[in-house]
PDB file of N, CA and C in Angstrom:
ATOM      1  N   MET A   1    -188.345  69.593-173.234  1.00  0.00           N
ATOM      2  CA  MET A   1    -189.506  69.523-174.093  1.00  0.00           C
ATOM      3  C   MET A   1    -189.698  68.079-174.559  1.00  0.00           C
ATOM      4  N   ARG A   2    -190.931  67.611-174.529  1.00  0.00           N
ATOM      5  CA  ARG A   2    -191.246  66.264-174.994  1.00  0.00           C
ATOM      6  C   ARG A   2    -191.808  66.347-176.410  1.00  0.00           C
ATOM      7  N   VAL A   3    -191.232  65.535-177.311  1.00  0.00           N
ATOM      8  CA  VAL A   3    -191.665  65.488-178.701  1.00  0.00           C
ATOM      9  C   VAL A   3    -192.104  64.064-179.020  1.00  0.00           C
ATOM     10  N   LEU A   4    -193.273  63.949-179.626  1.00  0.00           N
ATOM     11  CA  LEU A   4    -193.815  62.652-180.014  1.00  0.00           C
ATOM     12  C   LEU A   4    -193.749  62.504-181.530  1.00  0.00           C
ATOM     13  N   PHE A   5    -193.146  61.424-181.987  1.00  0.00           N
ATOM     14  CA  PHE A   5    -193.117  61.072-183.402  1.00  0.00           C
ATOM     15  C   PHE A   5    -194.051  59.886-183.593  1.00  0.00           C
ATOM     16  N   LEU A   6    -194.974  60.001-184.527  1.00  0.00           N
ATOM     17  CA  LEU A   6    -195.844  58.890-184.894  1.00  0.00           C
ATOM     18  C   LEU A   6    -195.441  58.448-186.297  1.00  0.00           C
ATOM     19  N   VAL A   7    -194.847  57.262-186.387  1.00  0.00           N
ATOM     20  CA  VAL A   7    -194.407  56.737-187.679  1.00  0.00           C
ATOM     21  C   VAL A   7    -195.425  55.690-188.099  1.00  0.00           C
ATOM     22  N   LYS A   8    -196.233  56.030-189.092  1.00  0.00           N
ATOM     23  CA  LYS A   8    -197.301  55.126-189.493  1.00  0.00           C
ATOM     24  C   LYS A   8    -197.173  54.636-190.930  1.00  0.00           C
ATOM     25  N   GLY A   9    -196.250  55.204-191.681  1.00  0.00           N
ATOM     26  CA  GLY A   9    -196.062  54.797-193.068  1.00  0.00           C
ATOM     27  C   GLY A   9    -195.081  53.653-193.200  1.00  0.00           C
ATOM     28  N   ASP A  10    -195.081  53.035-194.364  1.00  0.00           N
ATOM     29  CA  ASP A  10    -194.179  51.906-194.591  1.00  0.00           C
ATOM     30  C   ASP A  10    -192.717  52.363-194.556  1.00  0.00           C
ATOM     31  N   PRO A  11    -191.796  51.453-194.289  1.00  0.00           N
ATOM     32  CA  PRO A  11    -190.385  51.823-194.171  1.00  0.00           C
ATOM     33  C   PRO A  11    -189.676  51.995-195.511  1.00  0.00           C
ATOM     34  N   PHE A  12    -190.378  51.829-196.605  1.00  0.00           N
ATOM     35  CA  PHE A  12    -189.736  51.841-197.911  1.00  0.00           C
ATOM     36  C   PHE A  12    -189.596  53.232-198.509  1.00  0.00           C
ATOM     37  N   SER A  13    -190.139  54.246-197.856  1.00  0.00           N
ATOM     38  CA  SER A  13    -190.063  55.597-198.392  1.00  0.00           C
ATOM     39  C   SER A  13    -189.053  56.430-197.606  1.00  0.00           C
ATOM     40  N   TRP A  14    -188.804  57.609-198.093  1.00  0.00           N
ATOM     41  CA  TRP A  14    -187.869  58.526-197.437  1.00  0.00           C
ATOM     42  C   TRP A  14    -188.397  59.005-196.091  1.00  0.00           C
ATOM     43  N   ARG A  15    -189.708  58.988-195.888  1.00  0.00           N
ATOM     44  CA  ARG A  15    -190.295  59.546-194.667  1.00  0.00           C
ATOM     45  C   ARG A  15    -189.810  58.846-193.405  1.00  0.00           C
ATOM     46  N   CYS A  16    -189.772  57.548-193.448  1.00  0.00           N
ATOM     47  CA  CYS A  16    -189.356  56.800-192.264  1.00  0.00           C
ATOM     48  C   CYS A  16    -187.898  57.116-191.915  1.00  0.00           C
ATOM     49  N   HIS A  17    -187.053  57.126-192.927  1.00  0.00           N
ATOM     50  CA  HIS A  17    -185.640  57.448-192.707  1.00  0.00           C
ATOM     51  C   HIS A  17    -185.501  58.848-192.109  1.00  0.00           C
ATOM     52  N   GLU A  18    -186.233  59.809-192.647  1.00  0.00           N
ATOM     53  CA  GLU A  18    -186.164  61.178-192.144  1.00  0.00           C
ATOM     54  C   GLU A  18    -186.716  61.283-190.722  1.00  0.00           C
ATOM     55  N   ALA A  19    -187.775  60.557-190.425  1.00  0.00           N
ATOM     56  CA  ALA A  19    -188.329  60.570-189.071  1.00  0.00           C
ATOM     57  C   ALA A  19    -187.287  60.091-188.066  1.00  0.00           C
ATOM     58  N   LEU A  20    -186.595  59.016-188.395  1.00  0.00           N
ATOM     59  CA  LEU A  20    -185.563  58.495-187.497  1.00  0.00           C
ATOM     60  C   LEU A  20    -184.408  59.480-187.355  1.00  0.00           C
ATOM     61  N   ARG A  21    -183.999  60.084-188.458  1.00  0.00           N
ATOM     62  CA  ARG A  21    -182.882  61.026-188.442  1.00  0.00           C
ATOM     63  C   ARG A  21    -183.216  62.252-187.598  1.00  0.00           C
ATOM     64  N   VAL A  22    -184.412  62.796-187.784  1.00  0.00           N
ATOM     65  CA  VAL A  22    -184.823  63.987-187.032  1.00  0.00           C
ATOM     66  C   VAL A  22    -185.020  63.642-185.553  1.00  0.00           C
ATOM     67  N   ALA A  23    -185.617  62.483-185.273  1.00  0.00           N
ATOM     68  CA  ALA A  23    -185.805  62.065-183.878  1.00  0.00           C
ATOM     69  C   ALA A  23    -184.462  61.921-183.168  1.00  0.00           C
ATOM     70  N   LEU A  24    -183.503  61.349-183.862  1.00  0.00           N
ATOM     71  CA  LEU A  24    -182.170  61.187-183.277  1.00  0.00           C
ATOM     72  C   LEU A  24    -181.561  62.549-182.951  1.00  0.00           C
ATOM     73  N   ALA A  25    -181.677  63.491-183.865  1.00  0.00           N
ATOM     74  CA  ALA A  25    -181.127  64.831-183.640  1.00  0.00           C
ATOM     75  C   ALA A  25    -181.835  65.536-182.480  1.00  0.00           C
ATOM     76  N   LEU A  26    -183.162  65.455-182.438  1.00  0.00           N
ATOM     77  CA  LEU A  26    -183.905  66.098-181.354  1.00  0.00           C
ATOM     78  C   LEU A  26    -183.642  65.438-180.011  1.00  0.00           C
ATOM     79  N   GLY A  27    -183.340  64.144-180.034  1.00  0.00           N
ATOM     80  CA  GLY A  27    -183.082  63.414-178.801  1.00  0.00           C
ATOM     81  C   GLY A  27    -181.842  63.871-178.058  1.00  0.00           C
ATOM     82  N   ILE A  28    -181.009  64.652-178.703  1.00  0.00           N
ATOM     83  CA  ILE A  28    -179.812  65.178-178.032  1.00  0.00           C
ATOM     84  C   ILE A  28    -180.209  66.152-176.923  1.00  0.00           C
ATOM     85  N   ASN A  29    -181.226  66.975-177.192  1.00  0.00           N
ATOM     86  CA  ASN A  29    -181.616  68.012-176.236  1.00  0.00           C
ATOM     87  C   ASN A  29    -183.031  67.890-175.690  1.00  0.00           C
ATOM     88  N   HIS A  30    -183.809  66.926-176.196  1.00  0.00           N
ATOM     89  CA  HIS A  30    -185.202  66.815-175.797  1.00  0.00           C
ATOM     90  C   HIS A  30    -185.574  65.363-175.520  1.00  0.00           C
ATOM     91  N   GLU A  31    -186.681  65.181-174.838  1.00  0.00           N
ATOM     92  CA  GLU A  31    -187.223  63.844-174.617  1.00  0.00           C
ATOM     93  C   GLU A  31    -188.073  63.491-175.837  1.00  0.00           C
ATOM     94  N   VAL A  32    -187.733  62.387-176.485  1.00  0.00           N
ATOM     95  CA  VAL A  32    -188.417  61.997-177.715  1.00  0.00           C
ATOM     96  C   VAL A  32    -189.049  60.625-177.545  1.00  0.00           C
ATOM     97  N   PHE A  33    -190.329  60.547-177.855  1.00  0.00           N
ATOM     98  CA  PHE A  33    -191.030  59.274-177.923  1.00  0.00           C
ATOM     99  C   PHE A  33    -191.259  58.976-179.399  1.00  0.00           C
ATOM    100  N   LEU A  34    -190.767  57.844-179.844  1.00  0.00           N
ATOM    101  CA  LEU A  34    -190.875  57.421-181.236  1.00  0.00           C
ATOM    102  C   LEU A  34    -191.803  56.220-181.274  1.00  0.00           C
ATOM    103  N   VAL A  35    -193.040  56.449-181.741  1.00  0.00           N
ATOM    104  CA  VAL A  35    -194.066  55.411-181.725  1.00  0.00           C
ATOM    105  C   VAL A  35    -194.323  54.934-183.153  1.00  0.00           C
ATOM    106  N   PHE A  36    -194.223  53.624-183.345  1.00  0.00           N
ATOM    107  CA  PHE A  36    -194.472  53.017-184.646  1.00  0.00           C
ATOM    108  C   PHE A  36    -195.833  52.342-184.608  1.00  0.00           C
ATOM    109  N   LEU A  37    -196.684  52.704-185.561  1.00  0.00           N
ATOM    110  CA  LEU A  37    -198.005  52.104-185.636  1.00  0.00           C
ATOM    111  C   LEU A  37    -198.380  51.888-187.094  1.00  0.00           C
ATOM    112  N   LYS A  38    -199.440  51.152-187.292  1.00  0.00           N
ATOM    113  CA  LYS A  38    -199.883  50.749-188.631  1.00  0.00           C
ATOM    114  C   LYS A  38    -198.703  50.106-189.365  1.00  0.00           C
ATOM    115  N   ASP A  39    -198.492  50.429-190.641  1.00  0.00           N
ATOM    116  CA  ASP A  39    -197.384  49.820-191.391  1.00  0.00           C
ATOM    117  C   ASP A  39    -196.014  50.287-190.924  1.00  0.00           C
ATOM    118  N   GLY A  40    -195.972  51.326-190.122  1.00  0.00           N
ATOM    119  CA  GLY A  40    -194.703  51.807-189.581  1.00  0.00           C
ATOM    120  C   GLY A  40    -193.981  50.779-188.737  1.00  0.00           C
ATOM    121  N   VAL A  41    -194.719  49.806-188.178  1.00  0.00           N
ATOM    122  CA  VAL A  41    -194.084  48.785-187.341  1.00  0.00           C
ATOM    123  C   VAL A  41    -193.064  47.968-188.129  1.00  0.00           C
ATOM    124  N   TYR A  42    -193.243  47.873-189.434  1.00  0.00           N
ATOM    125  CA  TYR A  42    -192.298  47.103-190.250  1.00  0.00           C
ATOM    126  C   TYR A  42    -190.888  47.700-190.254  1.00  0.00           C
ATOM    127  N   ALA A  43    -190.783  48.986-189.969  1.00  0.00           N
ATOM    128  CA  ALA A  43    -189.472  49.642-189.971  1.00  0.00           C
ATOM    129  C   ALA A  43    -188.525  49.047-188.934  1.00  0.00           C
ATOM    130  N   LEU A  44    -189.081  48.473-187.875  1.00  0.00           N
ATOM    131  CA  LEU A  44    -188.246  47.941-186.795  1.00  0.00           C
ATOM    132  C   LEU A  44    -188.052  46.431-186.869  1.00  0.00           C
ATOM    133  N   THR A  45    -188.593  45.809-187.906  1.00  0.00           N
ATOM    134  CA  THR A  45    -188.454  44.360-188.039  1.00  0.00           C
ATOM    135  C   THR A  45    -187.124  44.011-188.695  1.00  0.00           C
ATOM    136  N   LYS A  46    -186.875  42.739-188.812  1.00  0.00           N
ATOM    137  CA  LYS A  46    -185.612  42.242-189.376  1.00  0.00           C
ATOM    138  C   LYS A  46    -185.693  42.129-190.898  1.00  0.00           C
ATOM    139  N   TRP A  47    -186.201  43.164-191.537  1.00  0.00           N
ATOM    140  CA  TRP A  47    -186.297  43.162-192.997  1.00  0.00           C
ATOM    141  C   TRP A  47    -184.941  43.475-193.605  1.00  0.00           C
ATOM    142  N   LYS A  48    -184.791  43.259-194.884  1.00  0.00           N
ATOM    143  CA  LYS A  48    -183.504  43.425-195.587  1.00  0.00           C
ATOM    144  C   LYS A  48    -183.613  44.554-196.620  1.00  0.00           C
ATOM    145  N   PRO A  49    -183.415  45.796-196.203  1.00  0.00           N
ATOM    146  CA  PRO A  49    -183.567  46.921-197.126  1.00  0.00           C
ATOM    147  C   PRO A  49    -182.581  46.894-198.294  1.00  0.00           C
ATOM    148  N   GLU A  50    -181.418  46.331-198.067  1.00  0.00           N
ATOM    149  CA  GLU A  50    -180.417  46.296-199.145  1.00  0.00           C
ATOM    150  C   GLU A  50    -180.899  45.468-200.337  1.00  0.00           C
ATOM    151  N   LYS A  51    -181.790  44.531-200.103  1.00  0.00           N
ATOM    152  CA  LYS A  51    -182.339  43.738-201.210  1.00  0.00           C
ATOM    153  C   LYS A  51    -183.265  44.580-202.091  1.00  0.00           C
ATOM    154  N   LEU A  52    -183.751  45.691-201.544  1.00  0.00           N
ATOM    155  CA  LEU A  52    -184.582  46.615-202.303  1.00  0.00           C
ATOM    156  C   LEU A  52    -183.773  47.819-202.795  1.00  0.00           C
ATOM    157  N   LEU A  53    -182.450  47.734-202.556  1.00  0.00           N
ATOM    158  CA  LEU A  53    -181.522  48.794-202.947  1.00  0.00           C
ATOM    159  C   LEU A  53    -181.831  50.131-202.266  1.00  0.00           C
ATOM    160  N   ILE A  54    -182.238  50.051-200.995  1.00  0.00           N
ATOM    161  CA  ILE A  54    -182.447  51.257-200.206  1.00  0.00           C
ATOM    162  C   ILE A  54    -181.625  51.164-198.923  1.00  0.00           C
ATOM    163  N   GLN A  55    -181.390  52.321-198.350  1.00  0.00           N
ATOM    164  CA  GLN A  55    -180.566  52.397-197.140  1.00  0.00           C
ATOM    165  C   GLN A  55    -181.345  51.899-195.931  1.00  0.00           C
ATOM    166  N   GLY A  56    -180.694  51.094-195.103  1.00  0.00           N
ATOM    167  CA  GLY A  56    -181.318  50.585-193.889  1.00  0.00           C
ATOM    168  C   GLY A  56    -181.223  51.578-192.737  1.00  0.00           C
ATOM    169  N   PHE A  57    -181.838  51.209-191.625  1.00  0.00           N
ATOM    170  CA  PHE A  57    -181.916  52.095-190.467  1.00  0.00           C
ATOM    171  C   PHE A  57    -181.030  51.641-189.306  1.00  0.00           C
ATOM    172  N   GLU A  58    -180.213  50.614-189.537  1.00  0.00           N
ATOM    173  CA  GLU A  58    -179.468  50.020-188.425  1.00  0.00           C
ATOM    174  C   GLU A  58    -178.657  51.034-187.640  1.00  0.00           C
ATOM    175  N   LYS A  59    -177.899  51.874-188.332  1.00  0.00           N
ATOM    176  CA  LYS A  59    -177.035  52.848-187.644  1.00  0.00           C
ATOM    177  C   LYS A  59    -177.864  53.866-186.860  1.00  0.00           C
ATOM    178  N   LEU A  60    -178.961  54.323-187.464  1.00  0.00           N
ATOM    179  CA  LEU A  60    -179.819  55.284-186.761  1.00  0.00           C
ATOM    180  C   LEU A  60    -180.406  54.656-185.503  1.00  0.00           C
ATOM    181  N   LEU A  61    -180.922  53.459-185.632  1.00  0.00           N
ATOM    182  CA  LEU A  61    -181.526  52.780-184.488  1.00  0.00           C
ATOM    183  C   LEU A  61    -180.486  52.460-183.416  1.00  0.00           C
ATOM    184  N   GLU A  62    -179.309  52.108-183.848  1.00  0.00           N
ATOM    185  CA  GLU A  62    -178.210  51.806-182.928  1.00  0.00           C
ATOM    186  C   GLU A  62    -177.883  53.026-182.057  1.00  0.00           C
ATOM    187  N   ASN A  63    -177.949  54.207-182.646  1.00  0.00           N
ATOM    188  CA  ASN A  63    -177.581  55.433-181.933  1.00  0.00           C
ATOM    189  C   ASN A  63    -178.693  55.996-181.051  1.00  0.00           C
ATOM    190  N   MET A  64    -179.895  55.472-181.160  1.00  0.00           N
ATOM    191  CA  MET A  64    -181.002  55.970-180.334  1.00  0.00           C
ATOM    192  C   MET A  64    -180.711  55.771-178.846  1.00  0.00           C
ATOM    193  N   GLY A  65    -179.950  54.743-178.522  1.00  0.00           N
ATOM    194  CA  GLY A  65    -179.618  54.471-177.130  1.00  0.00           C
ATOM    195  C   GLY A  65    -178.686  55.495-176.506  1.00  0.00           C
ATOM    196  N   TYR A  66    -178.022  56.290-177.335  1.00  0.00           N
ATOM    197  CA  TYR A  66    -177.084  57.295-176.832  1.00  0.00           C
ATOM    198  C   TYR A  66    -177.736  58.645-176.570  1.00  0.00           C
ATOM    199  N   VAL A  67    -178.958  58.793-177.022  1.00  0.00           N
ATOM    200  CA  VAL A  67    -179.689  60.044-176.812  1.00  0.00           C
ATOM    201  C   VAL A  67    -181.009  59.722-176.108  1.00  0.00           C
ATOM    202  N   ASN A  68    -181.811  60.725-175.879  1.00  0.00           N
ATOM    203  CA  ASN A  68    -183.047  60.555-175.107  1.00  0.00           C
ATOM    204  C   ASN A  68    -184.234  60.211-176.023  1.00  0.00           C
ATOM    205  N   VAL A  69    -184.136  59.063-176.704  1.00  0.00           N
ATOM    206  CA  VAL A  69    -185.207  58.596-177.592  1.00  0.00           C
ATOM    207  C   VAL A  69    -185.668  57.227-177.104  1.00  0.00           C
ATOM    208  N   LYS A  70    -186.971  57.100-176.929  1.00  0.00           N
ATOM    209  CA  LYS A  70    -187.547  55.820-176.526  1.00  0.00           C
ATOM    210  C   LYS A  70    -188.390  55.281-177.674  1.00  0.00           C
ATOM    211  N   LEU A  71    -188.213  53.996-177.985  1.00  0.00           N
ATOM    212  CA  LEU A  71    -188.920  53.353-179.087  1.00  0.00           C
ATOM    213  C   LEU A  71    -190.123  52.575-178.569  1.00  0.00           C
ATOM    214  N   PHE A  72    -191.263  52.770-179.225  1.00  0.00           N
ATOM    215  CA  PHE A  72    -192.488  52.077-178.862  1.00  0.00           C
ATOM    216  C   PHE A  72    -193.153  51.507-180.110  1.00  0.00           C
ATOM    217  N   VAL A  73    -193.829  50.387-179.932  1.00  0.00           N
ATOM    218  CA  VAL A  73    -194.644  49.796-180.998  1.00  0.00           C
ATOM    219  C   VAL A  73    -196.056  49.657-180.463  1.00  0.00           C
ATOM    220  N   GLU A  74    -197.029  50.124-181.243  1.00  0.00           N
ATOM    221  CA  GLU A  74    -198.418  49.995-180.843  1.00  0.00           C
ATOM    222  C   GLU A  74    -198.798  48.527-180.987  1.00  0.00           C
ATOM    223  N   ASP A  75    -199.238  47.923-179.911  1.00  0.00           N
ATOM    224  CA  ASP A  75    -199.430  46.476-179.860  1.00  0.00           C
ATOM    225  C   ASP A  75    -200.440  45.934-180.864  1.00  0.00           C
ATOM    226  N   LEU A  76    -201.533  46.631-181.063  1.00  0.00           N
ATOM    227  CA  LEU A  76    -202.550  46.151-181.998  1.00  0.00           C
ATOM    228  C   LEU A  76    -202.026  46.154-183.440  1.00  0.00           C
ATOM    229  N   SER A  77    -201.236  47.162-183.794  1.00  0.00           N
ATOM    230  CA  SER A  77    -200.655  47.213-185.140  1.00  0.00           C
ATOM    231  C   SER A  77    -199.731  46.018-185.381  1.00  0.00           C
ATOM    232  N   ALA A  78    -198.930  45.683-184.381  1.00  0.00           N
ATOM    233  CA  ALA A  78    -198.044  44.523-184.512  1.00  0.00           C
ATOM    234  C   ALA A  78    -198.863  43.240-184.593  1.00  0.00           C
ATOM    235  N   GLU A  79    -199.852  43.125-183.747  1.00  0.00           N
ATOM    236  CA  GLU A  79    -200.687  41.923-183.726  1.00  0.00           C
ATOM    237  C   GLU A  79    -201.430  41.723-185.051  1.00  0.00           C
ATOM    238  N   GLU A  80    -201.988  42.795-185.599  1.00  0.00           N
ATOM    239  CA  GLU A  80    -202.713  42.713-186.872  1.00  0.00           C
ATOM    240  C   GLU A  80    -201.811  42.246-188.015  1.00  0.00           C
ATOM    241  N   ARG A  81    -200.509  42.484-187.893  1.00  0.00           N
ATOM    242  CA  ARG A  81    -199.559  42.107-188.932  1.00  0.00           C
ATOM    243  C   ARG A  81    -198.818  40.811-188.597  1.00  0.00           C
ATOM    244  N   GLY A  82    -199.240  40.156-187.522  1.00  0.00           N
ATOM    245  CA  GLY A  82    -198.655  38.878-187.137  1.00  0.00           C
ATOM    246  C   GLY A  82    -197.245  38.982-186.583  1.00  0.00           C
ATOM    247  N   LEU A  83    -196.888  40.153-186.048  1.00  0.00           N
ATOM    248  CA  LEU A  83    -195.536  40.376-185.535  1.00  0.00           C
ATOM    249  C   LEU A  83    -195.478  40.165-184.028  1.00  0.00           C
ATOM    250  N   LYS A  84    -194.407  39.514-183.594  1.00  0.00           N
ATOM    251  CA  LYS A  84    -194.159  39.274-182.174  1.00  0.00           C
ATOM    252  C   LYS A  84    -192.850  39.946-181.786  1.00  0.00           C
ATOM    253  N   LYS A  85    -192.584  40.009-180.507  1.00  0.00           N
ATOM    254  CA  LYS A  85    -191.379  40.694-180.006  1.00  0.00           C
ATOM    255  C   LYS A  85    -190.107  40.199-180.688  1.00  0.00           C
ATOM    256  N   GLU A  86    -190.022  38.899-180.954  1.00  0.00           N
ATOM    257  CA  GLU A  86    -188.809  38.345-181.572  1.00  0.00           C
ATOM    258  C   GLU A  86    -188.664  38.710-183.047  1.00  0.00           C
ATOM    259  N   ASP A  87    -189.690  39.269-183.657  1.00  0.00           N
ATOM    260  CA  ASP A  87    -189.617  39.702-185.055  1.00  0.00           C
ATOM    261  C   ASP A  87    -188.931  41.053-185.215  1.00  0.00           C
ATOM    262  N   PHE A  88    -188.712  41.747-184.122  1.00  0.00           N
ATOM    263  CA  PHE A  88    -188.137  43.084-184.185  1.00  0.00           C
ATOM    264  C   PHE A  88    -186.620  43.036-184.031  1.00  0.00           C
ATOM    265  N   ALA A  89    -185.949  43.900-184.787  1.00  0.00           N
ATOM    266  CA  ALA A  89    -184.486  43.931-184.815  1.00  0.00           C
ATOM    267  C   ALA A  89    -183.898  44.656-183.607  1.00  0.00           C
ATOM    268  N   VAL A  90    -184.710  45.464-182.935  1.00  0.00           N
ATOM    269  CA  VAL A  90    -184.249  46.218-181.765  1.00  0.00           C
ATOM    270  C   VAL A  90    -185.214  45.973-180.609  1.00  0.00           C
ATOM    271  N   ASP A  91    -184.771  46.321-179.424  1.00  0.00           N
ATOM    272  CA  ASP A  91    -185.611  46.173-178.243  1.00  0.00           C
ATOM    273  C   ASP A  91    -186.633  47.309-178.223  1.00  0.00           C
ATOM    274  N   VAL A  92    -187.898  46.956-178.251  1.00  0.00           N
ATOM    275  CA  VAL A  92    -188.969  47.953-178.246  1.00  0.00           C
ATOM    276  C   VAL A  92    -189.929  47.649-177.109  1.00  0.00           C
ATOM    277  N   GLU A  93    -190.665  48.666-176.738  1.00  0.00           N
ATOM    278  CA  GLU A  93    -191.703  48.489-175.730  1.00  0.00           C
ATOM    279  C   GLU A  93    -193.053  48.516-176.437  1.00  0.00           C
ATOM    280  N   PHE A  94    -193.859  47.513-176.182  1.00  0.00           N
ATOM    281  CA  PHE A  94    -195.197  47.476-176.755  1.00  0.00           C
ATOM    282  C   PHE A  94    -196.127  48.311-175.880  1.00  0.00           C
ATOM    283  N   VAL A  95    -196.936  49.151-176.514  1.00  0.00           N
ATOM    284  CA  VAL A  95    -197.884  49.989-175.793  1.00  0.00           C
ATOM    285  C   VAL A  95    -199.253  49.875-176.457  1.00  0.00           C
ATOM    286  N   ASN A  96    -200.290  50.091-175.671  1.00  0.00           N
ATOM    287  CA  ASN A  96    -201.636  50.078-176.248  1.00  0.00           C
ATOM    288  C   ASN A  96    -202.005  51.481-176.708  1.00  0.00           C
ATOM    289  N   ILE A  97    -203.140  51.581-177.384  1.00  0.00           N
ATOM    290  CA  ILE A  97    -203.546  52.865-177.960  1.00  0.00           C
ATOM    291  C   ILE A  97    -203.828  53.902-176.878  1.00  0.00           C
ATOM    292  N   GLU A  98    -204.252  53.466-175.702  1.00  0.00           N
ATOM    293  CA  GLU A  98    -204.494  54.407-174.600  1.00  0.00           C
ATOM    294  C   GLU A  98    -203.186  55.063-174.155  1.00  0.00           C
ATOM    295  N   SER A  99    -202.111  54.290-174.132  1.00  0.00           N
ATOM    296  CA  SER A  99    -200.794  54.848-173.788  1.00  0.00           C
ATOM    297  C   SER A  99    -200.332  55.846-174.839  1.00  0.00           C
ATOM    298  N   VAL A 100    -200.626  55.545-176.095  1.00  0.00           N
ATOM    299  CA  VAL A 100    -200.278  56.474-177.177  1.00  0.00           C
ATOM    300  C   VAL A 100    -201.047  57.781-176.999  1.00  0.00           C
ATOM    301  N   LYS A 101    -202.316  57.683-176.634  1.00  0.00           N
ATOM    302  CA  LYS A 101    -203.122  58.886-176.383  1.00  0.00           C
ATOM    303  C   LYS A 101    -202.537  59.700-175.241  1.00  0.00           C
ATOM    304  N   ASP A 102    -202.074  59.027-174.182  1.00  0.00           N
ATOM    305  CA  ASP A 102    -201.455  59.729-173.050  1.00  0.00           C
ATOM    306  C   ASP A 102    -200.177  60.442-173.490  1.00  0.00           C
ATOM    307  N   MET A 103    -199.371  59.772-174.328  1.00  0.00           N
ATOM    308  CA  MET A 103    -198.151  60.405-174.853  1.00  0.00           C
ATOM    309  C   MET A 103    -198.510  61.631-175.678  1.00  0.00           C
ATOM    310  N   LEU A 104    -199.550  61.502-176.467  1.00  0.00           N
ATOM    311  CA  LEU A 104    -200.011  62.605-177.313  1.00  0.00           C
ATOM    312  C   LEU A 104    -200.426  63.801-176.455  1.00  0.00           C
ATOM    313  N   ALA A 105    -201.155  63.525-175.404  1.00  0.00           N
ATOM    314  CA  ALA A 105    -201.635  64.597-174.522  1.00  0.00           C
ATOM    315  C   ALA A 105    -200.501  65.272-173.757  1.00  0.00           C
ATOM    316  N   SER A 106    -199.441  64.531-173.451  1.00  0.00           N
ATOM    317  CA  SER A 106    -198.356  65.084-172.634  1.00  0.00           C
ATOM    318  C   SER A 106    -197.195  65.651-173.451  1.00  0.00           C
ATOM    319  N   SER A 107    -197.287  65.586-174.759  1.00  0.00           N
ATOM    320  CA  SER A 107    -196.203  66.079-175.611  1.00  0.00           C
ATOM    321  C   SER A 107    -196.442  67.531-176.009  1.00  0.00           C
ATOM    322  N   GLU A 108    -195.359  68.258-176.132  1.00  0.00           N
ATOM    323  CA  GLU A 108    -195.439  69.659-176.539  1.00  0.00           C
ATOM    324  C   GLU A 108    -195.430  69.802-178.056  1.00  0.00           C
ATOM    325  N   ALA A 109    -194.928  68.794-178.725  1.00  0.00           N
ATOM    326  CA  ALA A 109    -194.924  68.798-180.206  1.00  0.00           C
ATOM    327  C   ALA A 109    -195.172  67.381-180.680  1.00  0.00           C
ATOM    328  N   VAL A 110    -195.909  67.275-181.786  1.00  0.00           N
ATOM    329  CA  VAL A 110    -196.221  65.966-182.373  1.00  0.00           C
ATOM    330  C   VAL A 110    -195.918  66.041-183.860  1.00  0.00           C
ATOM    331  N   LEU A 111    -195.146  65.061-184.340  1.00  0.00           N
ATOM    332  CA  LEU A 111    -194.832  64.981-185.764  1.00  0.00           C
ATOM    333  C   LEU A 111    -195.321  63.641-186.283  1.00  0.00           C
ATOM    334  N   VAL A 112    -196.099  63.666-187.346  1.00  0.00           N
ATOM    335  CA  VAL A 112    -196.662  62.450-187.922  1.00  0.00           C
ATOM    336  C   VAL A 112    -195.962  62.177-189.241  1.00  0.00           C
ATOM    337  N   TRP A 113    -195.464  60.951-189.384  1.00  0.00           N
ATOM    338  CA  TRP A 113    -194.712  60.564-190.585  1.00  0.00           C
ATOM    339  C   TRP A 113    -195.399  59.410-191.243  1.00  0.00           C
TER     340      TRP A 113
END
């Protein structure tokens, strides 16, 4: 089963952390596409969550490589925020909105965070 996660909210709330945690768990048995768009792209940058006294995502992101989770960043969202590939803390694939639409159409479940 293919599951699409759309993470569009800022990384400072519980939603982003939960999206990553659930995606990691589902990635054990399913194909998971984790797409970051709008302010969600900040979750994958080299920000310092500990300075805001919140838990970071390093361990969750580190473990995505061990399960069937693929990370994507919507290119226009990154561009609008002045972010380039080197601004991201992990290796991500940039995709355009048409690719996101294709993922949406081919997924059996979609979760928006």
